[in-house]
């Protein structure tokens, strides 16, 4: 396998791991309807990081990083939305 093909394979493998990085957190929030112990700051910083990486990836046309960062932006926005949604319920109880 040529080094370029191996590099692309490893890149897409990393994409797959990245896709699933926050899925367990989303599932936990939905099941428990609680955001206890989850850092909003962490997810805001992750969102900022992914936006910056996406812009850079678009400029240099690195499609693997474009795809993975856009997906991570979506996942991070879902977590932040769920945090906002369940924050209200926790403060009213």
N, C-alpha and C. Protein backbone atom coordinates (compact mmCIF):
# COMPACT_ATOMS: atom_id res chain seq x y z
N UNK A 1 0.85 -1.18 0.00
CA UNK A 1 0.00 0.00 0.00
C UNK A 1 0.90 1.24 0.00
N UNK A 2 0.75 2.12 -1.00
CA UNK A 2 1.56 3.35 -1.04
C UNK A 2 1.29 4.23 0.19
N UNK A 3 2.28 5.03 0.54
CA UNK A 3 2.21 5.87 1.74
C UNK A 3 1.04 6.85 1.67
N UNK A 4 0.71 7.36 0.47
CA UNK A 4 -0.41 8.29 0.33
C UNK A 4 -1.72 7.59 0.63
N UNK A 5 -1.88 6.37 0.13
CA UNK A 5 -3.10 5.61 0.41
C UNK A 5 -3.21 5.28 1.89
N UNK A 6 -2.10 4.90 2.50
CA UNK A 6 -2.09 4.62 3.93
C UNK A 6 -2.45 5.86 4.72
N UNK A 7 -1.92 6.99 4.32
CA UNK A 7 -2.21 8.26 4.98
C UNK A 7 -3.69 8.60 4.88
N UNK A 8 -4.28 8.41 3.71
CA UNK A 8 -5.71 8.68 3.54
C UNK A 8 -6.54 7.72 4.39
N UNK A 9 -6.15 6.45 4.41
CA UNK A 9 -6.85 5.46 5.23
C UNK A 9 -6.83 5.86 6.70
N UNK A 10 -5.66 6.23 7.19
CA UNK A 10 -5.52 6.65 8.58
C UNK A 10 -6.35 7.90 8.85
N UNK A 11 -6.37 8.82 7.89
CA UNK A 11 -7.18 10.03 8.02
C UNK A 11 -8.66 9.71 8.16
N UNK A 12 -9.16 8.82 7.31
CA UNK A 12 -10.57 8.45 7.37
C UNK A 12 -10.87 7.62 8.62
N UNK A 13 -9.91 6.83 9.06
CA UNK A 13 -10.09 6.10 10.31
C UNK A 13 -10.22 7.08 11.48
N UNK A 14 -9.37 8.10 11.48
CA UNK A 14 -9.48 9.16 12.49
C UNK A 14 -10.81 9.87 12.42
N UNK A 15 -11.31 10.08 11.21
CA UNK A 15 -12.63 10.69 11.02
C UNK A 15 -13.70 9.84 11.71
N UNK A 16 -13.63 8.53 11.50
CA UNK A 16 -14.62 7.63 12.11
C UNK A 16 -14.58 7.71 13.64
N UNK A 17 -13.38 7.72 14.21
CA UNK A 17 -13.27 7.87 15.66
C UNK A 17 -13.83 9.22 16.10
N UNK A 18 -13.51 10.25 15.36
CA UNK A 18 -13.99 11.59 15.68
C UNK A 18 -15.50 11.72 15.63
N UNK A 19 -16.11 10.99 14.70
CA UNK A 19 -17.56 11.00 14.55
C UNK A 19 -18.23 10.54 15.84
N UNK A 20 -17.64 9.54 16.46
CA UNK A 20 -18.27 8.93 17.63
C UNK A 20 -17.84 9.53 18.96
N UNK A 21 -17.01 10.56 18.93
CA UNK A 21 -16.44 11.08 20.17
C UNK A 21 -17.50 11.65 21.13
N UNK A 22 -18.52 12.30 20.63
CA UNK A 22 -19.52 12.91 21.50
C UNK A 22 -20.86 12.19 21.47
N UNK A 23 -21.00 11.18 20.65
CA UNK A 23 -22.27 10.45 20.57
C UNK A 23 -22.66 9.86 21.93
N UNK A 24 -21.74 9.23 22.68
CA UNK A 24 -22.14 8.72 24.00
C UNK A 24 -22.63 9.82 24.94
N UNK A 25 -22.05 11.02 24.82
CA UNK A 25 -22.48 12.14 25.67
C UNK A 25 -23.91 12.54 25.32
N UNK A 26 -24.21 12.59 24.03
CA UNK A 26 -25.57 12.94 23.58
C UNK A 26 -26.56 11.90 24.09
N UNK A 27 -26.22 10.64 23.95
CA UNK A 27 -27.11 9.56 24.41
C UNK A 27 -27.35 9.68 25.91
N UNK A 28 -26.29 9.94 26.67
CA UNK A 28 -26.43 10.07 28.13
C UNK A 28 -27.33 11.24 28.51
N UNK A 29 -27.14 12.38 27.86
CA UNK A 29 -27.96 13.56 28.16
C UNK A 29 -29.43 13.26 27.87
N UNK A 30 -29.71 12.63 26.73
CA UNK A 30 -31.09 12.35 26.36
C UNK A 30 -31.72 11.34 27.31
N UNK A 31 -30.98 10.28 27.65
CA UNK A 31 -31.53 9.25 28.55
C UNK A 31 -31.79 9.79 29.95
N UNK A 32 -30.83 10.55 30.49
CA UNK A 32 -30.97 11.02 31.88
C UNK A 32 -31.69 12.36 31.98
N UNK A 33 -31.80 13.05 30.84
CA UNK A 33 -32.38 14.40 30.81
C UNK A 33 -31.66 15.31 31.81
N UNK A 34 -30.35 15.10 31.90
CA UNK A 34 -29.53 15.85 32.85
C UNK A 34 -28.20 16.22 32.20
N UNK A 35 -27.71 17.40 32.56
CA UNK A 35 -26.40 17.86 32.07
C UNK A 35 -25.40 17.92 33.22
N UNK A 36 -25.73 17.27 34.31
CA UNK A 36 -24.88 17.28 35.50
C UNK A 36 -23.48 16.78 35.15
N UNK A 37 -22.48 17.58 35.49
CA UNK A 37 -21.10 17.19 35.29
C UNK A 37 -20.54 17.47 33.90
N UNK A 38 -21.31 18.09 33.03
CA UNK A 38 -20.85 18.38 31.67
C UNK A 38 -20.43 19.84 31.61
N UNK A 39 -19.27 20.09 31.07
CA UNK A 39 -18.72 21.43 31.01
C UNK A 39 -19.14 22.14 29.72
N UNK A 40 -19.92 23.19 29.88
CA UNK A 40 -20.33 24.01 28.73
C UNK A 40 -19.09 24.66 28.10
N UNK A 41 -18.17 25.10 28.94
CA UNK A 41 -16.96 25.76 28.44
C UNK A 41 -16.19 24.83 27.50
N UNK A 42 -16.09 23.57 27.86
CA UNK A 42 -15.40 22.60 27.01
C UNK A 42 -16.04 22.53 25.63
N UNK A 43 -17.36 22.47 25.58
CA UNK A 43 -18.04 22.34 24.29
C UNK A 43 -18.01 23.64 23.49
N UNK A 44 -18.03 24.78 24.16
CA UNK A 44 -17.89 26.06 23.45
C UNK A 44 -16.50 26.16 22.84
N UNK A 45 -15.48 25.79 23.61
CA UNK A 45 -14.11 25.81 23.08
C UNK A 45 -13.93 24.81 21.94
N UNK A 46 -14.55 23.64 22.07
CA UNK A 46 -14.50 22.64 21.00
C UNK A 46 -15.15 23.19 19.72
N UNK A 47 -16.26 23.88 19.88
CA UNK A 47 -16.93 24.49 18.73
C UNK A 47 -16.03 25.52 18.06
N UNK A 48 -15.42 26.39 18.84
CA UNK A 48 -14.50 27.40 18.29
C UNK A 48 -13.33 26.74 17.57
N UNK A 49 -12.79 25.69 18.18
CA UNK A 49 -11.67 24.97 17.58
C UNK A 49 -12.07 24.37 16.23
N UNK A 50 -13.21 23.72 16.19
CA UNK A 50 -13.65 23.07 14.95
C UNK A 50 -13.95 24.09 13.86
N UNK A 51 -14.51 25.24 14.22
CA UNK A 51 -14.77 26.28 13.23
C UNK A 51 -13.44 26.77 12.64
N UNK A 52 -12.46 27.01 13.49
CA UNK A 52 -11.15 27.46 13.00
C UNK A 52 -10.51 26.41 12.11
N UNK A 53 -10.55 25.15 12.52
CA UNK A 53 -9.98 24.07 11.71
C UNK A 53 -10.71 23.93 10.38
N UNK A 54 -12.02 24.13 10.39
CA UNK A 54 -12.80 24.02 9.16
C UNK A 54 -12.40 25.11 8.18
N UNK A 55 -12.27 26.33 8.66
CA UNK A 55 -11.85 27.43 7.78
C UNK A 55 -10.49 27.11 7.18
N UNK A 56 -9.55 26.69 8.00
CA UNK A 56 -8.21 26.35 7.51
C UNK A 56 -8.27 25.20 6.50
N UNK A 57 -9.07 24.20 6.79
CA UNK A 57 -9.20 23.05 5.90
C UNK A 57 -9.81 23.43 4.55
N UNK A 58 -10.75 24.36 4.58
CA UNK A 58 -11.33 24.84 3.33
C UNK A 58 -10.30 25.57 2.48
N UNK A 59 -9.47 26.36 3.13
CA UNK A 59 -8.44 27.12 2.42
C UNK A 59 -7.44 26.18 1.74
N UNK A 60 -7.01 25.14 2.46
CA UNK A 60 -6.01 24.23 1.90
C UNK A 60 -6.64 23.01 1.20
N UNK A 61 -7.96 22.96 1.17
CA UNK A 61 -8.72 21.91 0.47
C UNK A 61 -8.38 20.50 0.97
N UNK A 62 -8.39 20.36 2.27
CA UNK A 62 -8.18 19.04 2.89
C UNK A 62 -9.55 18.47 3.24
N UNK A 63 -10.08 17.66 2.34
CA UNK A 63 -11.47 17.21 2.43
C UNK A 63 -11.75 16.34 3.66
N UNK A 64 -10.80 15.55 4.09
CA UNK A 64 -11.00 14.73 5.28
C UNK A 64 -11.22 15.61 6.51
N UNK A 65 -10.45 16.69 6.61
CA UNK A 65 -10.60 17.59 7.76
C UNK A 65 -11.84 18.45 7.64
N UNK A 66 -12.21 18.80 6.43
CA UNK A 66 -13.46 19.54 6.22
C UNK A 66 -14.62 18.70 6.71
N UNK A 67 -14.68 17.45 6.26
CA UNK A 67 -15.78 16.56 6.63
C UNK A 67 -15.81 16.31 8.14
N UNK A 68 -14.67 15.98 8.72
CA UNK A 68 -14.68 15.64 10.15
C UNK A 68 -15.01 16.84 11.01
N UNK A 69 -14.52 18.01 10.65
CA UNK A 69 -14.80 19.19 11.47
C UNK A 69 -16.24 19.67 11.32
N UNK A 70 -16.78 19.59 10.12
CA UNK A 70 -18.19 19.96 9.95
C UNK A 70 -19.08 19.02 10.76
N UNK A 71 -18.77 17.73 10.72
CA UNK A 71 -19.54 16.78 11.51
C UNK A 71 -19.41 17.08 12.99
N UNK A 72 -18.20 17.38 13.43
CA UNK A 72 -17.99 17.67 14.86
C UNK A 72 -18.70 18.96 15.26
N UNK A 73 -18.77 19.93 14.36
CA UNK A 73 -19.52 21.17 14.65
C UNK A 73 -20.98 20.83 14.88
N UNK A 74 -21.54 19.99 14.04
CA UNK A 74 -22.95 19.59 14.18
C UNK A 74 -23.17 18.88 15.51
N UNK A 75 -22.32 17.92 15.82
CA UNK A 75 -22.45 17.18 17.08
C UNK A 75 -22.31 18.12 18.29
N UNK A 76 -21.36 19.03 18.23
CA UNK A 76 -21.13 19.97 19.33
C UNK A 76 -22.33 20.89 19.50
N UNK A 77 -22.91 21.34 18.40
CA UNK A 77 -24.11 22.18 18.48
C UNK A 77 -25.28 21.41 19.09
N UNK A 78 -25.37 20.12 18.78
CA UNK A 78 -26.43 19.30 19.39
C UNK A 78 -26.22 19.21 20.90
N UNK A 79 -25.00 18.97 21.34
CA UNK A 79 -24.71 18.90 22.78
C UNK A 79 -25.03 20.23 23.44
N UNK A 80 -24.61 21.34 22.84
CA UNK A 80 -24.88 22.65 23.42
C UNK A 80 -26.39 22.93 23.47
N UNK A 81 -27.12 22.52 22.44
CA UNK A 81 -28.58 22.67 22.45
C UNK A 81 -29.19 21.87 23.60
N UNK A 82 -28.76 20.61 23.74
CA UNK A 82 -29.29 19.77 24.82
C UNK A 82 -28.94 20.34 26.19
N UNK A 83 -27.76 20.91 26.30
CA UNK A 83 -27.36 21.53 27.57
C UNK A 83 -28.29 22.69 27.90
N UNK A 84 -28.61 23.49 26.91
CA UNK A 84 -29.53 24.62 27.12
C UNK A 84 -30.93 24.11 27.47
N UNK A 85 -31.38 23.10 26.75
CA UNK A 85 -32.71 22.55 26.97
C UNK A 85 -32.87 21.96 28.36
N UNK A 86 -31.92 21.16 28.81
CA UNK A 86 -32.05 20.51 30.12
C UNK A 86 -31.57 21.38 31.27
N UNK A 87 -30.84 22.44 30.97
CA UNK A 87 -30.45 23.39 32.00
C UNK A 87 -31.70 24.05 32.58
N UNK A 88 -32.61 24.41 31.73
CA UNK A 88 -33.86 25.04 32.17
C UNK A 88 -34.65 24.12 33.09
N UNK A 89 -34.72 22.84 32.74
CA UNK A 89 -35.47 21.89 33.57
C UNK A 89 -34.82 21.70 34.92
N UNK A 90 -33.47 21.67 34.96
CA UNK A 90 -32.78 21.47 36.24
C UNK A 90 -32.93 22.68 37.15
N UNK A 91 -32.99 23.87 36.59
CA UNK A 91 -33.11 25.06 37.43
C UNK A 91 -34.53 25.26 37.94
N UNK A 92 -35.52 24.65 37.26
CA UNK A 92 -36.90 24.81 37.71
C UNK A 92 -37.29 23.75 38.73
N UNK A 93 -36.49 22.71 38.88
CA UNK A 93 -36.82 21.65 39.85
C UNK A 93 -36.37 22.02 41.24
